[in-house]
Protein backbone atom coordinates (compact mmCIF):
# COMPACT_ATOMS: atom_id res chain seq x y z
CA MET A 1 0.00 0.00 0.00
CA TYR A 2 2.80 2.44 0.83
CA GLY A 3 4.48 1.67 -2.47
CA TRP A 4 1.24 2.37 -4.31
CA ILE A 5 0.91 5.74 -2.58
CA PHE A 6 4.56 6.61 -3.22
CA ARG A 7 4.31 5.69 -6.92
CA HIS A 8 1.23 7.90 -7.37
CA LEU A 9 2.74 11.03 -5.82
CA PRO A 10 3.64 13.65 -8.43
CA GLY A 11 7.08 15.05 -9.14
CA PRO A 12 10.67 13.93 -8.95
CA LEU A 13 12.04 11.65 -6.23
CA TRP A 14 13.04 14.44 -3.82
CA LEU A 15 9.57 16.00 -4.03
CA ARG A 16 7.86 12.65 -3.49
CA ILE A 17 9.99 12.05 -0.39
CA ILE A 18 9.07 15.45 1.05
CA THR A 19 5.39 14.90 0.21
CA ALA A 20 5.41 11.43 1.78
CA ILE A 21 6.96 12.82 4.99
CA ALA A 22 4.38 15.62 5.08
CA LEU A 23 1.54 13.13 4.61
CA LEU A 24 2.95 10.96 7.40
CA LEU A 25 3.10 13.97 9.73
CA VAL A 26 -0.50 14.90 8.90
CA VAL A 27 -1.67 11.37 9.67
CA ILE A 28 0.23 11.32 12.98
CA TYR A 29 -1.19 14.71 13.93
CA ALA A 30 -4.74 13.62 13.11
CA LEU A 31 -4.36 10.45 15.18
CA MET A 32 -2.95 12.32 18.17
CA GLU A 33 -5.57 15.07 18.07
CA TYR A 34 -8.73 13.20 17.13
CA ALA A 35 -8.51 9.41 17.12
CA PHE A 36 -6.48 8.62 20.23
CA PRO A 37 -8.39 10.95 22.59
CA HIS A 38 -11.64 9.43 21.37
CA PHE A 39 -10.50 5.88 22.15
CA GLU A 40 -8.76 6.78 25.42
CA GLN A 41 -11.84 5.91 27.46
CA TYR A 42 -11.62 2.30 26.22
CA SER A 43 -7.94 1.90 27.10
CA PRO A 44 -7.06 -0.51 29.92
CA PHE A 45 -4.16 1.81 30.84
CA ASN A 46 -6.42 4.75 31.62
CA THR A 47 -5.84 5.05 35.34
CA ASP A 48 -6.16 8.27 37.22
CA VAL A 49 -3.34 7.90 39.70
CA THR A 50 -2.47 10.64 42.11
CA ILE A 51 0.49 10.69 44.44
CA ASP A 52 0.15 12.51 47.73
CA GLN A 53 3.06 14.69 48.70
CA VAL A 54 4.45 14.15 52.18
CA HIS A 55 5.57 17.33 53.90
């Protein structure tokens, strides 16, 4: 699938590499901002742990 995407990007090799990196960053940003917070409530690691400070 990644090869298919890379082959269909326009331009010379250096431009395709830059475009592929930009697309990867956009996907990571979208996951971090929208997808992961939505599914956080279903995570088994979602523990609200507080540590009391001893004075």
